[in-house]
Amino acid sequence: MKDAPRQQFRLAPHVSGVAVVKPKDYEMAGEVEAENEYAAWAVLRGSEAPLQVGDLLETPLGMMRICKFVGFDEAKWLVVEQPAATMVTAMPPMQAPPFHSPA
């Protein structure tokens, strides 16, 4: 997780359930081989890049887990729905009435 969003995440109240995360807040940092998220945390704990609160782990099958103070919770990417296209009906241009000048 990038630094600015990490600070907001750390200060937010803990909520359980699926965390919805924004792709713009993350950048790929590397790969780790482990049986589960807790094993990955243990492997990375003593490395130069330990897992921090707000970091994501993604399995080869695409399942994501987010690191929180109390462990790991399920996470998914925020999907922004595009607004439905609106139909615009073209109207013929308005024509001004003919101009009659007094003779």
PDB file of N, CA and C in Angstrom:
ATOM      1  N   MET A   1       0.852  -1.174   0.000  1.00  0.00           N
ATOM      2  CA  MET A   1       0.000   0.000   0.000  1.00  0.00           C
ATOM      3  C   MET A   1       0.896   1.233   0.000  1.00  0.00           C
ATOM      4  N   LYS A   2       0.490   2.238  -0.735  1.00  0.00           N
ATOM      5  CA  LYS A   2       1.250   3.490  -0.771  1.00  0.00           C
ATOM      6  C   LYS A   2       1.126   4.186   0.590  1.00  0.00           C
ATOM      7  N   ASP A   3       2.072   5.075   0.909  1.00  0.00           N
ATOM      8  CA  ASP A   3       2.139   5.679   2.237  1.00  0.00           C
ATOM      9  C   ASP A   3       0.916   6.520   2.623  1.00  0.00           C
ATOM     10  N   ALA A   4       0.467   7.429   1.764  1.00  0.00           N
ATOM     11  CA  ALA A   4      -0.659   8.306   2.127  1.00  0.00           C
ATOM     12  C   ALA A   4      -1.926   7.509   2.457  1.00  0.00           C
ATOM     13  N   PRO A   5      -2.355   6.574   1.600  1.00  0.00           N
ATOM     14  CA  PRO A   5      -3.551   5.803   1.945  1.00  0.00           C
ATOM     15  C   PRO A   5      -3.336   4.906   3.171  1.00  0.00           C
ATOM     16  N   ARG A   6      -2.083   4.475   3.409  1.00  0.00           N
ATOM     17  CA  ARG A   6      -1.811   3.628   4.569  1.00  0.00           C
ATOM     18  C   ARG A   6      -2.128   4.383   5.861  1.00  0.00           C
ATOM     19  N   GLN A   7      -1.775   5.656   5.916  1.00  0.00           N
ATOM     20  CA  GLN A   7      -2.042   6.446   7.120  1.00  0.00           C
ATOM     21  C   GLN A   7      -3.550   6.560   7.368  1.00  0.00           C
ATOM     22  N   GLN A   8      -4.317   6.776   6.310  1.00  0.00           N
ATOM     23  CA  GLN A   8      -5.777   6.844   6.446  1.00  0.00           C
ATOM     24  C   GLN A   8      -6.328   5.499   6.901  1.00  0.00           C
ATOM     25  N   PHE A   9      -5.815   4.422   6.338  1.00  0.00           N
ATOM     26  CA  PHE A   9      -6.274   3.075   6.688  1.00  0.00           C
ATOM     27  C   PHE A   9      -5.990   2.782   8.155  1.00  0.00           C
ATOM     28  N   ARG A  10      -4.797   3.155   8.616  1.00  0.00           N
ATOM     29  CA  ARG A  10      -4.410   2.892  10.003  1.00  0.00           C
ATOM     30  C   ARG A  10      -5.302   3.651  10.989  1.00  0.00           C
ATOM     31  N   LEU A  11      -5.742   4.847  10.612  1.00  0.00           N
ATOM     32  CA  LEU A  11      -6.545   5.670  11.515  1.00  0.00           C
ATOM     33  C   LEU A  11      -8.036   5.335  11.470  1.00  0.00           C
ATOM     34  N   ALA A  12      -8.459   4.622  10.446  1.00  0.00           N
ATOM     35  CA  ALA A  12      -9.879   4.280  10.305  1.00  0.00           C
ATOM     36  C   ALA A  12     -10.263   3.229  11.349  1.00  0.00           C
ATOM     37  N   PRO A  13     -11.519   3.259  11.807  1.00  0.00           N
ATOM     38  CA  PRO A  13     -11.955   2.240  12.769  1.00  0.00           C
ATOM     39  C   PRO A  13     -11.959   0.857  12.123  1.00  0.00           C
ATOM     40  N   HIS A  14     -11.697  -0.160  12.940  1.00  0.00           N
ATOM     41  CA  HIS A  14     -11.691  -1.530  12.426  1.00  0.00           C
ATOM     42  C   HIS A  14     -13.108  -1.984  12.130  1.00  0.00           C
ATOM     43  N   VAL A  15     -13.289  -2.512  10.953  1.00  0.00           N
ATOM     44  CA  VAL A  15     -14.571  -3.124  10.579  1.00  0.00           C
ATOM     45  C   VAL A  15     -14.269  -4.524  10.071  1.00  0.00           C
ATOM     46  N   SER A  16     -15.154  -5.447  10.374  1.00  0.00           N
ATOM     47  CA  SER A  16     -14.947  -6.811   9.901  1.00  0.00           C
ATOM     48  C   SER A  16     -15.677  -6.996   8.585  1.00  0.00           C
ATOM     49  N   GLY A  17     -15.312  -8.026   7.896  1.00  0.00           N
ATOM     50  CA  GLY A  17     -15.934  -8.301   6.609  1.00  0.00           C
ATOM     51  C   GLY A  17     -14.984  -7.987   5.477  1.00  0.00           C
ATOM     52  N   VAL A  18     -15.509  -8.017   4.278  1.00  0.00           N
ATOM     53  CA  VAL A  18     -14.699  -7.805   3.081  1.00  0.00           C
ATOM     54  C   VAL A  18     -14.262  -6.349   2.999  1.00  0.00           C
ATOM     55  N   ALA A  19     -12.973  -6.132   2.821  1.00  0.00           N
ATOM     56  CA  ALA A  19     -12.440  -4.777   2.644  1.00  0.00           C
ATOM     57  C   ALA A  19     -12.447  -4.463   1.156  1.00  0.00           C
ATOM     58  N   VAL A  20     -12.996  -3.319   0.802  1.00  0.00           N
ATOM     59  CA  VAL A  20     -13.021  -2.883  -0.591  1.00  0.00           C
ATOM     60  C   VAL A  20     -11.870  -1.893  -0.764  1.00  0.00           C
ATOM     61  N   VAL A  21     -10.935  -2.222  -1.658  1.00  0.00           N
ATOM     62  CA  VAL A  21      -9.725  -1.415  -1.818  1.00  0.00           C
ATOM     63  C   VAL A  21      -9.632  -0.839  -3.226  1.00  0.00           C
ATOM     64  N   LYS A  22      -8.941   0.293  -3.340  1.00  0.00           N
ATOM     65  CA  LYS A  22      -8.796   0.977  -4.622  1.00  0.00           C
ATOM     66  C   LYS A  22      -7.443   0.612  -5.257  1.00  0.00           C
ATOM     67  N   PRO A  23      -7.457   0.206  -6.516  1.00  0.00           N
ATOM     68  CA  PRO A  23      -6.198  -0.150  -7.179  1.00  0.00           C
ATOM     69  C   PRO A  23      -5.169   0.984  -7.159  1.00  0.00           C
ATOM     70  N   LYS A  24      -5.620   2.247  -7.204  1.00  0.00           N
ATOM     71  CA  LYS A  24      -4.683   3.369  -7.239  1.00  0.00           C
ATOM     72  C   LYS A  24      -3.882   3.499  -5.941  1.00  0.00           C
ATOM     73  N   ASP A  25      -4.333   2.863  -4.861  1.00  0.00           N
ATOM     74  CA  ASP A  25      -3.646   2.943  -3.571  1.00  0.00           C
ATOM     75  C   ASP A  25      -2.541   1.897  -3.418  1.00  0.00           C
ATOM     76  N   TYR A  26      -2.365   1.041  -4.431  1.00  0.00           N
ATOM     77  CA  TYR A  26      -1.426  -0.077  -4.310  1.00  0.00           C
ATOM     78  C   TYR A  26      -0.442  -0.126  -5.465  1.00  0.00           C
ATOM     79  N   GLU A  27       0.704  -0.700  -5.183  1.00  0.00           N
ATOM     80  CA  GLU A  27       1.683  -1.013  -6.216  1.00  0.00           C
ATOM     81  C   GLU A  27       2.301  -2.360  -5.871  1.00  0.00           C
ATOM     82  N   MET A  28       2.621  -3.133  -6.896  1.00  0.00           N
ATOM     83  CA  MET A  28       3.188  -4.474  -6.705  1.00  0.00           C
ATOM     84  C   MET A  28       4.556  -4.346  -6.046  1.00  0.00           C
ATOM     85  N   ALA A  29       4.778  -5.103  -4.973  1.00  0.00           N
ATOM     86  CA  ALA A  29       6.048  -5.014  -4.249  1.00  0.00           C
ATOM     87  C   ALA A  29       6.887  -6.277  -4.395  1.00  0.00           C
ATOM     88  N   GLY A  30       6.315  -7.358  -4.850  1.00  0.00           N
ATOM     89  CA  GLY A  30       7.081  -8.589  -4.986  1.00  0.00           C
ATOM     90  C   GLY A  30       6.211  -9.800  -4.773  1.00  0.00           C
ATOM     91  N   GLU A  31       6.873 -10.939  -4.670  1.00  0.00           N
ATOM     92  CA  GLU A  31       6.164 -12.203  -4.481  1.00  0.00           C
ATOM     93  C   GLU A  31       6.788 -12.968  -3.332  1.00  0.00           C
ATOM     94  N   VAL A  32       5.966 -13.780  -2.679  1.00  0.00           N
ATOM     95  CA  VAL A  32       6.435 -14.635  -1.595  1.00  0.00           C
ATOM     96  C   VAL A  32       5.704 -15.962  -1.714  1.00  0.00           C
ATOM     97  N   GLU A  33       6.412 -17.046  -1.493  1.00  0.00           N
ATOM     98  CA  GLU A  33       5.788 -18.363  -1.514  1.00  0.00           C
ATOM     99  C   GLU A  33       5.503 -18.783  -0.094  1.00  0.00           C
ATOM    100  N   ALA A  34       4.232 -19.095   0.194  1.00  0.00           N
ATOM    101  CA  ALA A  34       3.837 -19.508   1.538  1.00  0.00           C
ATOM    102  C   ALA A  34       2.526 -20.274   1.447  1.00  0.00           C
ATOM    103  N   GLU A  35       2.241 -21.069   2.486  1.00  0.00           N
ATOM    104  CA  GLU A  35       1.018 -21.870   2.513  1.00  0.00           C
ATOM    105  C   GLU A  35      -0.230 -21.022   2.693  1.00  0.00           C
ATOM    106  N   ASN A  36      -0.114 -19.932   3.447  1.00  0.00           N
ATOM    107  CA  ASN A  36      -1.261 -19.055   3.692  1.00  0.00           C
ATOM    108  C   ASN A  36      -0.741 -17.668   4.053  1.00  0.00           C
ATOM    109  N   GLU A  37      -1.651 -16.740   4.336  1.00  0.00           N
ATOM    110  CA  GLU A  37      -1.253 -15.358   4.616  1.00  0.00           C
ATOM    111  C   GLU A  37      -0.417 -15.229   5.893  1.00  0.00           C
ATOM    112  N   TYR A  38      -0.699 -16.066   6.882  1.00  0.00           N
ATOM    113  CA  TYR A  38       0.059 -15.997   8.140  1.00  0.00           C
ATOM    114  C   TYR A  38       1.482 -16.515   7.947  1.00  0.00           C
ATOM    115  N   ALA A  39       1.635 -17.537   7.114  1.00  0.00           N
ATOM    116  CA  ALA A  39       2.970 -18.034   6.793  1.00  0.00           C
ATOM    117  C   ALA A  39       3.739 -16.987   5.991  1.00  0.00           C
ATOM    118  N   ALA A  40       3.065 -16.282   5.078  1.00  0.00           N
ATOM    119  CA  ALA A  40       3.710 -15.207   4.315  1.00  0.00           C
ATOM    120  C   ALA A  40       4.156 -14.095   5.252  1.00  0.00           C
ATOM    121  N   TRP A  41       3.302 -13.749   6.221  1.00  0.00           N
ATOM    122  CA  TRP A  41       3.657 -12.721   7.209  1.00  0.00           C
ATOM    123  C   TRP A  41       4.917 -13.136   7.973  1.00  0.00           C
ATOM    124  N   ALA A  42       4.980 -14.407   8.379  1.00  0.00           N
ATOM    125  CA  ALA A  42       6.134 -14.902   9.136  1.00  0.00           C
ATOM    126  C   ALA A  42       7.404 -14.875   8.277  1.00  0.00           C
ATOM    127  N   VAL A  43       7.293 -15.258   7.012  1.00  0.00           N
ATOM    128  CA  VAL A  43       8.449 -15.253   6.113  1.00  0.00           C
ATOM    129  C   VAL A  43       8.968 -13.826   5.928  1.00  0.00           C
ATOM    130  N   LEU A  44       8.055 -12.875   5.740  1.00  0.00           N
ATOM    131  CA  LEU A  44       8.450 -11.495   5.454  1.00  0.00           C
ATOM    132  C   LEU A  44       8.792 -10.685   6.703  1.00  0.00           C
ATOM    133  N   ARG A  45       8.423 -11.176   7.878  1.00  0.00           N
ATOM    134  CA  ARG A  45       8.601 -10.434   9.126  1.00  0.00           C
ATOM    135  C   ARG A  45      10.039  -9.956   9.331  1.00  0.00           C
ATOM    136  N   GLY A  46      11.020 -10.767   9.032  1.00  0.00           N
ATOM    137  CA  GLY A  46      12.414 -10.396   9.242  1.00  0.00           C
ATOM    138  C   GLY A  46      13.095  -9.835   8.008  1.00  0.00           C
ATOM    139  N   SER A  47      12.340  -9.594   6.949  1.00  0.00           N
ATOM    140  CA  SER A  47      12.941  -9.126   5.698  1.00  0.00           C
ATOM    141  C   SER A  47      13.016  -7.600   5.661  1.00  0.00           C
ATOM    142  N   GLU A  48      13.549  -7.088   4.562  1.00  0.00           N
ATOM    143  CA  GLU A  48      13.606  -5.639   4.359  1.00  0.00           C
ATOM    144  C   GLU A  48      12.229  -5.054   4.078  1.00  0.00           C
ATOM    145  N   ALA A  49      11.279  -5.876   3.685  1.00  0.00           N
ATOM    146  CA  ALA A  49       9.931  -5.415   3.350  1.00  0.00           C
ATOM    147  C   ALA A  49       8.886  -6.249   4.081  1.00  0.00           C
ATOM    148  N   PRO A  50       8.775  -6.114   5.420  1.00  0.00           N
ATOM    149  CA  PRO A  50       7.750  -6.889   6.135  1.00  0.00           C
ATOM    150  C   PRO A  50       6.354  -6.396   5.783  1.00  0.00           C
ATOM    151  N   LEU A  51       5.373  -7.275   5.931  1.00  0.00           N
ATOM    152  CA  LEU A  51       3.988  -6.867   5.698  1.00  0.00           C
ATOM    153  C   LEU A  51       3.586  -5.841   6.750  1.00  0.00           C
ATOM    154  N   GLN A  52       2.873  -4.811   6.298  1.00  0.00           N
ATOM    155  CA  GLN A  52       2.384  -3.777   7.192  1.00  0.00           C
ATOM    156  C   GLN A  52       0.865  -3.719   7.109  1.00  0.00           C
ATOM    157  N   VAL A  53       0.265  -3.080   8.082  1.00  0.00           N
ATOM    158  CA  VAL A  53      -1.187  -2.913   8.085  1.00  0.00           C
ATOM    159  C   VAL A  53      -1.594  -2.210   6.797  1.00  0.00           C
ATOM    160  N   GLY A  54      -2.549  -2.800   6.095  1.00  0.00           N
ATOM    161  CA  GLY A  54      -3.033  -2.246   4.833  1.00  0.00           C
ATOM    162  C   GLY A  54      -2.484  -2.946   3.608  1.00  0.00           C
ATOM    163  N   ASP A  55      -1.422  -3.734   3.765  1.00  0.00           N
ATOM    164  CA  ASP A  55      -0.847  -4.446   2.625  1.00  0.00           C
ATOM    165  C   ASP A  55      -1.752  -5.595   2.189  1.00  0.00           C
ATOM    166  N   LEU A  56      -1.699  -5.901   0.899  1.00  0.00           N
ATOM    167  CA  LEU A  56      -2.507  -6.975   0.324  1.00  0.00           C
ATOM    168  C   LEU A  56      -1.643  -8.157  -0.067  1.00  0.00           C
ATOM    169  N   LEU A  57      -2.209  -9.331   0.068  1.00  0.00           N
ATOM    170  CA  LEU A  57      -1.625 -10.553  -0.473  1.00  0.00           C
ATOM    171  C   LEU A  57      -2.647 -11.132  -1.443  1.00  0.00           C
ATOM    172  N   GLU A  58      -2.165 -11.586  -2.603  1.00  0.00           N
ATOM    173  CA  GLU A  58      -3.068 -12.176  -3.594  1.00  0.00           C
ATOM    174  C   GLU A  58      -2.584 -13.572  -3.933  1.00  0.00           C
ATOM    175  N   THR A  59      -3.495 -14.528  -3.930  1.00  0.00           N
ATOM    176  CA  THR A  59      -3.157 -15.904  -4.262  1.00  0.00           C
ATOM    177  C   THR A  59      -3.086 -16.058  -5.782  1.00  0.00           C
ATOM    178  N   PRO A  60      -2.487 -17.136  -6.257  1.00  0.00           N
ATOM    179  CA  PRO A  60      -2.463 -17.379  -7.701  1.00  0.00           C
ATOM    180  C   PRO A  60      -3.874 -17.475  -8.303  1.00  0.00           C
ATOM    181  N   LEU A  61      -4.863 -17.802  -7.472  1.00  0.00           N
ATOM    182  CA  LEU A  61      -6.249 -17.896  -7.958  1.00  0.00           C
ATOM    183  C   LEU A  61      -6.974 -16.557  -7.914  1.00  0.00           C
ATOM    184  N   GLY A  62      -6.292 -15.492  -7.472  1.00  0.00           N
ATOM    185  CA  GLY A  62      -6.889 -14.157  -7.462  1.00  0.00           C
ATOM    186  C   GLY A  62      -7.590 -13.772  -6.175  1.00  0.00           C
ATOM    187  N   MET A  63      -7.580 -14.628  -5.148  1.00  0.00           N
ATOM    188  CA  MET A  63      -8.188 -14.273  -3.864  1.00  0.00           C
ATOM    189  C   MET A  63      -7.250 -13.299  -3.143  1.00  0.00           C
ATOM    190  N   MET A  64      -7.815 -12.273  -2.534  1.00  0.00           N
ATOM    191  CA  MET A  64      -6.990 -11.277  -1.856  1.00  0.00           C
ATOM    192  C   MET A  64      -7.286 -11.246  -0.367  1.00  0.00           C
ATOM    193  N   ARG A  65      -6.233 -10.995   0.419  1.00  0.00           N
ATOM    194  CA  ARG A  65      -6.336 -10.860   1.863  1.00  0.00           C
ATOM    195  C   ARG A  65      -5.605  -9.574   2.244  1.00  0.00           C
ATOM    196  N   ILE A  66      -6.195  -8.787   3.125  1.00  0.00           N
ATOM    197  CA  ILE A  66      -5.596  -7.532   3.565  1.00  0.00           C
ATOM    198  C   ILE A  66      -5.101  -7.683   5.002  1.00  0.00           C
ATOM    199  N   CYS A  67      -3.922  -7.161   5.260  1.00  0.00           N
ATOM    200  CA  CYS A  67      -3.312  -7.226   6.588  1.00  0.00           C
ATOM    201  C   CYS A  67      -3.924  -6.135   7.468  1.00  0.00           C
ATOM    202  N   LYS A  68      -4.451  -6.548   8.619  1.00  0.00           N
ATOM    203  CA  LYS A  68      -5.029  -5.610   9.585  1.00  0.00           C
ATOM    204  C   LYS A  68      -4.337  -5.815  10.926  1.00  0.00           C
ATOM    205  N   PHE A  69      -4.627  -4.957  11.891  1.00  0.00           N
ATOM    206  CA  PHE A  69      -4.039  -5.080  13.223  1.00  0.00           C
ATOM    207  C   PHE A  69      -4.368  -6.428  13.860  1.00  0.00           C
ATOM    208  N   VAL A  70      -5.535  -6.961  13.546  1.00  0.00           N
ATOM    209  CA  VAL A  70      -6.019  -8.180  14.202  1.00  0.00           C
ATOM    210  C   VAL A  70      -5.837  -9.440  13.362  1.00  0.00           C
ATOM    211  N   GLY A  71      -5.160  -9.335  12.240  1.00  0.00           N
ATOM    212  CA  GLY A  71      -4.958 -10.491  11.371  1.00  0.00           C
ATOM    213  C   GLY A  71      -5.209 -10.123   9.927  1.00  0.00           C
ATOM    214  N   PHE A  72      -5.807 -11.031   9.197  1.00  0.00           N
ATOM    215  CA  PHE A  72      -6.084 -10.817   7.776  1.00  0.00           C
ATOM    216  C   PHE A  72      -7.573 -10.958   7.522  1.00  0.00           C
ATOM    217  N   ASP A  73      -8.094 -10.121   6.638  1.00  0.00           N
ATOM    218  CA  ASP A  73      -9.487 -10.207   6.203  1.00  0.00           C
ATOM    219  C   ASP A  73      -9.518 -10.300   4.690  1.00  0.00           C
ATOM    220  N   GLU A  74     -10.640 -10.773   4.169  1.00  0.00           N
ATOM    221  CA  GLU A  74     -10.832 -10.846   2.724  1.00  0.00           C
ATOM    222  C   GLU A  74     -10.874  -9.428   2.152  1.00  0.00           C
ATOM    223  N   ALA A  75     -10.387  -9.269   0.939  1.00  0.00           N
ATOM    224  CA  ALA A  75     -10.400  -7.967   0.270  1.00  0.00           C
ATOM    225  C   ALA A  75     -10.806  -8.160  -1.185  1.00  0.00           C
ATOM    226  N   LYS A  76     -11.317  -7.082  -1.774  1.00  0.00           N
ATOM    227  CA  LYS A  76     -11.635  -7.097  -3.207  1.00  0.00           C
ATOM    228  C   LYS A  76     -11.425  -5.690  -3.744  1.00  0.00           C
ATOM    229  N   TRP A  77     -11.199  -5.604  -5.047  1.00  0.00           N
ATOM    230  CA  TRP A  77     -10.990  -4.316  -5.694  1.00  0.00           C
ATOM    231  C   TRP A  77     -12.311  -3.556  -5.813  1.00  0.00           C
ATOM    232  N   LEU A  78     -12.239  -2.260  -5.653  1.00  0.00           N
ATOM    233  CA  LEU A  78     -13.396  -1.397  -5.883  1.00  0.00           C
ATOM    234  C   LEU A  78     -13.661  -1.364  -7.378  1.00  0.00           C
ATOM    235  N   VAL A  79     -14.884  -1.622  -7.763  1.00  0.00           N
ATOM    236  CA  VAL A  79     -15.273  -1.568  -9.167  1.00  0.00           C
ATOM    237  C   VAL A  79     -16.242  -0.408  -9.316  1.00  0.00           C
ATOM    238  N   VAL A  80     -15.825   0.576 -10.077  1.00  0.00           N
ATOM    239  CA  VAL A  80     -16.664   1.752 -10.292  1.00  0.00           C
ATOM    240  C   VAL A  80     -17.527   1.490 -11.509  1.00  0.00           C
ATOM    241  N   GLU A  81     -18.831   1.555 -11.303  1.00  0.00           N
ATOM    242  CA  GLU A  81     -19.742   1.320 -12.415  1.00  0.00           C
ATOM    243  C   GLU A  81     -19.871   2.588 -13.239  1.00  0.00           C
ATOM    244  N   GLN A  82     -19.831   2.408 -14.535  1.00  0.00           N
ATOM    245  CA  GLN A  82     -19.997   3.544 -15.434  1.00  0.00           C
ATOM    246  C   GLN A  82     -21.480   3.891 -15.499  1.00  0.00           C
ATOM    247  N   PRO A  83     -21.810   5.185 -15.494  1.00  0.00           N
ATOM    248  CA  PRO A  83     -23.226   5.544 -15.588  1.00  0.00           C
ATOM    249  C   PRO A  83     -23.807   5.079 -16.921  1.00  0.00           C
ATOM    250  N   ALA A  84     -25.062   4.721 -16.876  1.00  0.00           N
ATOM    251  CA  ALA A  84     -25.729   4.258 -18.093  1.00  0.00           C
ATOM    252  C   ALA A  84     -25.764   5.387 -19.107  1.00  0.00           C
ATOM    253  N   ALA A  85     -25.608   5.030 -20.358  1.00  0.00           N
ATOM    254  CA  ALA A  85     -25.644   6.038 -21.419  1.00  0.00           C
ATOM    255  C   ALA A  85     -27.045   6.620 -21.496  1.00  0.00           C
ATOM    256  N   THR A  86     -27.113   7.903 -21.647  1.00  0.00           N
ATOM    257  CA  THR A  86     -28.421   8.543 -21.771  1.00  0.00           C
ATOM    258  C   THR A  86     -28.694   8.792 -23.245  1.00  0.00           C
ATOM    259  N   MET A  87     -29.941   8.637 -23.593  1.00  0.00           N
ATOM    260  CA  MET A  87     -30.308   8.833 -24.989  1.00  0.00           C
ATOM    261  C   MET A  87     -30.665  10.298 -25.189  1.00  0.00           C
ATOM    262  N   VAL A  88     -30.070  10.899 -26.184  1.00  0.00           N
ATOM    263  CA  VAL A  88     -30.352  12.286 -26.504  1.00  0.00           C
ATOM    264  C   VAL A  88     -31.039  12.300 -27.854  1.00  0.00           C
ATOM    265  N   THR A  89     -32.181  12.939 -27.893  1.00  0.00           N
ATOM    266  CA  THR A  89     -32.912  13.038 -29.145  1.00  0.00           C
ATOM    267  C   THR A  89     -32.582  14.379 -29.775  1.00  0.00           C
ATOM    268  N   ALA A  90     -32.137  14.336 -30.996  1.00  0.00           N
ATOM    269  CA  ALA A  90     -31.810  15.579 -31.694  1.00  0.00           C
ATOM    270  C   ALA A  90     -33.100  16.253 -32.126  1.00  0.00           C
ATOM    271  N   MET A  91     -33.172  17.518 -31.828  1.00  0.00           N
ATOM    272  CA  MET A  91     -34.343  18.293 -32.240  1.00  0.00           C
ATOM    273  C   MET A  91     -33.926  19.174 -33.412  1.00  0.00           C
ATOM    274  N   PRO A  92     -34.845  19.411 -34.335  1.00  0.00           N
ATOM    275  CA  PRO A  92     -34.478  20.274 -35.463  1.00  0.00           C
ATOM    276  C   PRO A  92     -34.178  21.677 -34.937  1.00  0.00           C
ATOM    277  N   PRO A  93     -33.260  22.384 -35.591  1.00  0.00           N
ATOM    278  CA  PRO A  93     -32.937  23.724 -35.125  1.00  0.00           C
ATOM    279  C   PRO A  93     -34.156  24.625 -35.209  1.00  0.00           C
ATOM    280  N   MET A  94     -34.234  25.486 -34.227  1.00  0.00           N
ATOM    281  CA  MET A  94     -35.370  26.424 -34.224  1.00  0.00           C
ATOM    282  C   MET A  94     -35.125  27.457 -35.317  1.00  0.00           C
ATOM    283  N   GLN A  95     -36.174  27.791 -36.006  1.00  0.00           N
ATOM    284  CA  GLN A  95     -36.053  28.802 -37.050  1.00  0.00           C
ATOM    285  C   GLN A  95     -36.792  30.049 -36.598  1.00  0.00           C
ATOM    286  N   ALA A  96     -36.139  31.168 -36.793  1.00  0.00           N
ATOM    287  CA  ALA A  96     -36.773  32.439 -36.432  1.00  0.00           C
ATOM    288  C   ALA A  96     -37.837  32.755 -37.479  1.00  0.00           C
ATOM    289  N   PRO A  97     -38.901  33.380 -37.022  1.00  0.00           N
ATOM    290  CA  PRO A  97     -39.923  33.747 -38.020  1.00  0.00           C
ATOM    291  C   PRO A  97     -39.316  34.747 -39.018  1.00  0.00           C
ATOM    292  N   PRO A  98     -39.832  34.762 -40.216  1.00  0.00           N
ATOM    293  CA  PRO A  98     -39.269  35.697 -41.201  1.00  0.00           C
ATOM    294  C   PRO A  98     -39.423  37.128 -40.716  1.00  0.00           C
ATOM    295  N   PHE A  99     -38.430  37.928 -41.018  1.00  0.00           N
ATOM    296  CA  PHE A  99     -38.411  39.333 -40.584  1.00  0.00           C
ATOM    297  C   PHE A  99     -39.071  40.174 -41.663  1.00  0.00           C
ATOM    298  N   HIS A 100     -40.067  40.929 -41.286  1.00  0.00           N
ATOM    299  CA  HIS A 100     -40.746  41.816 -42.232  1.00  0.00           C
ATOM    300  C   HIS A 100     -40.428  43.239 -41.831  1.00  0.00           C
ATOM    301  N   SER A 101     -39.872  43.957 -42.717  1.00  0.00           N
ATOM    302  CA  SER A 101     -39.592  45.355 -42.394  1.00  0.00           C
ATOM    303  C   SER A 101     -40.718  46.213 -42.945  1.00  0.00           C
ATOM    304  N   PRO A 102     -41.070  47.218 -42.178  1.00  0.00           N
ATOM    305  CA  PRO A 102     -42.125  48.106 -42.688  1.00  0.00           C
ATOM    306  C   PRO A 102     -41.640  48.832 -43.943  1.00  0.00           C
ATOM    307  N   ALA A 103     -42.449  48.915 -44.917  1.00  0.00           N
ATOM    308  CA  ALA A 103     -42.040  49.532 -46.172  1.00  0.00           C
ATOM    309  C   ALA A 103     -42.335  50.989 -46.228  1.00  0.00           C
TER     310      ALA A 103
END
